[in-house]
Amino acid sequence: MLNKKGFTLIELMLVVIILSILVAMVAPRLVGRGEQARRQAAEADIKSNIALALDLYELDNGRYPESLEDMLNDPGESKAQNWNGPYLKGRALDPWGREYKYKTPGDHNPDYDLYSYGGDGAEGGDDDIANWQQETK
């Protein structure tokens, strides 16, 4: 009598089917979470992290910087007499790898506008994130 050990084709197919069912149940819950996480990270940067650095710069120098680059490198006595930076650890990049947009004085806020064009990288649309917008849920 032969004593063969191993799995039959039916057993292997059952395992594949069960795994497929599990993936089909879990995958829809995970789709879109990456984009949602990037959006929330950009909102945190704009409304908290970079905003705090901008406020510290303004507290030291009496005005907001002309560019985000001025928060990394001393712009000189004529622009920042009490520069105590760097105020940021590195270039301010959004979660999509593009630099945040900054304008002072702002068109929407009297102090400054700070924003990202979001995932598509183009102005306009529902994916833009800015310091003058309400938070998303």
Protein backbone atom coordinates (compact mmCIF):
# COMPACT_ATOMS: atom_id res chain seq x y z
CA MET A 1 0.00 0.00 0.00
CA LEU A 2 1.29 3.47 -0.89
CA ASN A 3 1.30 6.06 1.86
CA LYS A 4 1.44 9.42 0.08
CA LYS A 5 1.37 12.62 2.06
CA GLY A 6 0.18 15.91 0.59
CA PHE A 7 -2.86 17.90 -0.33
CA THR A 8 -5.39 17.02 -2.97
CA LEU A 9 -6.38 19.47 -5.66
CA ILE A 10 -9.78 19.91 -4.01
CA GLU A 11 -8.20 20.83 -0.67
CA LEU A 12 -5.96 23.42 -2.33
CA MET A 13 -8.89 24.90 -4.24
CA LEU A 14 -10.90 25.19 -1.01
CA VAL A 15 -8.04 27.12 0.65
CA VAL A 16 -7.80 29.47 -2.34
CA ILE A 17 -11.56 30.04 -2.32
CA ILE A 18 -11.60 30.78 1.42
CA LEU A 19 -8.71 33.23 1.07
CA SER A 20 -10.48 34.92 -1.86
CA ILE A 21 -13.63 35.35 0.20
CA LEU A 22 -11.64 36.88 3.07
CA VAL A 23 -9.86 39.31 0.73
CA ALA A 24 -13.18 40.28 -0.85
CA MET A 25 -14.57 41.10 2.60
CA VAL A 26 -11.57 43.09 3.86
CA ALA A 27 -10.36 44.93 0.73
CA PRO A 28 -13.33 47.34 0.37
CA ARG A 29 -12.76 48.55 3.93
CA LEU A 30 -9.12 49.42 3.22
CA VAL A 31 -9.59 51.11 -0.16
CA GLY A 32 -9.44 54.90 0.14
CA ARG A 33 -7.88 54.90 3.60
CA GLY A 34 -4.47 55.91 2.23
CA GLU A 35 -5.85 59.04 0.58
CA GLN A 36 -7.87 59.86 3.69
CA ALA A 37 -4.73 59.55 5.84
CA ARG A 38 -2.74 61.82 3.49
CA ARG A 39 -5.51 64.41 3.59
CA GLN A 40 -5.60 64.35 7.40
CA ALA A 41 -1.80 64.68 7.56
CA ALA A 42 -1.94 67.73 5.27
CA GLU A 43 -4.67 69.29 7.43
CA ALA A 44 -2.55 68.72 10.54
CA ASP A 45 0.47 70.34 8.87
CA ILE A 46 -1.50 73.34 7.65
CA LYS A 47 -3.57 74.00 10.75
CA SER A 48 -1.09 72.96 13.45
CA ASN A 49 2.50 72.06 12.61
CA ILE A 50 3.48 74.69 10.03
CA ALA A 51 1.04 77.19 11.54
CA LEU A 52 2.86 76.95 14.87
CA ALA A 53 6.23 77.48 13.17
CA LEU A 54 4.84 80.52 11.33
CA ASP A 55 3.48 81.95 14.57
CA LEU A 56 6.86 81.46 16.28
CA TYR A 57 8.60 83.26 13.42
CA GLU A 58 6.08 86.11 13.70
CA LEU A 59 6.56 86.27 17.47
CA ASP A 60 10.35 86.57 17.05
CA ASN A 61 10.36 88.99 14.12
CA GLY A 62 7.12 90.96 14.36
CA ARG A 63 5.82 89.76 10.99
CA TYR A 64 5.30 86.60 9.00
CA PRO A 65 8.04 85.40 6.63
CA GLU A 66 7.92 86.29 2.95
CA SER A 67 8.36 82.62 2.03
CA LEU A 68 8.58 79.26 3.76
CA GLU A 69 12.26 79.20 2.78
CA ASP A 70 12.82 82.08 5.25
CA MET A 71 11.87 79.66 8.04
CA LEU A 72 14.74 77.33 7.14
CA ASN A 73 17.50 79.83 6.40
CA ASP A 74 18.14 83.21 7.99
CA PRO A 75 16.85 85.74 5.44
CA GLY A 76 19.15 88.43 6.85
CA GLU A 77 18.86 91.44 9.11
CA SER A 78 16.72 93.42 6.69
CA LYS A 79 13.94 90.79 6.77
CA ALA A 80 14.30 89.14 10.19
CA GLN A 81 16.19 90.94 12.95
CA ASN A 82 15.49 88.34 15.63
CA TRP A 83 15.65 85.13 13.57
CA ASN A 84 15.94 82.16 15.98
CA GLY A 85 15.43 79.37 13.47
CA PRO A 86 15.32 77.17 11.75
CA TYR A 87 11.63 77.05 12.47
CA LEU A 88 11.06 73.95 10.32
CA LYS A 89 13.16 70.77 10.22
CA GLY A 90 13.14 70.67 6.43
CA ARG A 91 11.28 71.79 3.34
CA ALA A 92 7.55 71.90 3.93
CA LEU A 93 6.24 69.12 1.66
CA ASP A 94 2.67 67.92 1.60
CA PRO A 95 1.94 64.16 1.84
CA TRP A 96 1.96 63.98 -1.98
CA GLY A 97 5.57 65.25 -2.10
CA ARG A 98 4.83 68.79 -3.32
CA GLU A 99 5.69 71.99 -1.50
CA TYR A 100 2.92 73.71 0.41
CA LYS A 101 1.74 77.00 -1.10
CA TYR A 102 2.22 80.07 1.08
CA LYS A 103 1.25 83.71 0.60
CA THR A 104 1.48 86.65 2.96
CA PRO A 105 -0.61 88.69 3.39
CA GLY A 106 -3.23 86.20 2.42
CA ASP A 107 -6.21 86.59 0.14
CA HIS A 108 -8.41 84.63 2.57
CA ASN A 109 -6.71 85.38 5.90
CA PRO A 110 -5.19 88.71 6.90
CA ASP A 111 -1.93 87.11 8.08
CA TYR A 112 -1.20 84.38 5.53
CA ASP A 113 -2.69 81.70 3.29
CA LEU A 114 -1.21 78.20 3.56
CA TYR A 115 -2.55 75.45 1.32
CA SER A 116 -1.98 72.31 -0.73
CA TYR A 117 -3.60 71.36 -4.01
CA GLY A 118 -4.09 67.82 -2.71
CA GLY A 119 -3.67 64.57 -4.56
CA ASP A 120 -4.26 65.88 -8.07
CA GLY A 121 -1.75 68.73 -7.69
CA ALA A 122 -4.08 71.13 -9.49
CA GLU A 123 -5.88 74.15 -8.11
CA GLY A 124 -9.59 73.71 -7.55
CA GLY A 125 -11.61 70.65 -6.78
CA ASP A 126 -12.61 68.88 -3.62
CA ASP A 127 -9.10 67.71 -2.71
CA ASP A 128 -7.56 71.15 -2.02
CA ILE A 129 -6.69 71.74 1.64
CA ALA A 130 -6.23 75.23 3.06
CA ASN A 131 -5.99 77.07 6.36
CA TRP A 132 -9.19 79.00 5.61
CA GLN A 133 -11.32 75.86 5.10
CA GLN A 134 -13.34 74.00 7.69
CA GLU A 135 -11.93 70.65 8.79
CA THR A 136 -13.17 67.52 7.05
CA LYS A 137 -14.52 64.51 8.91
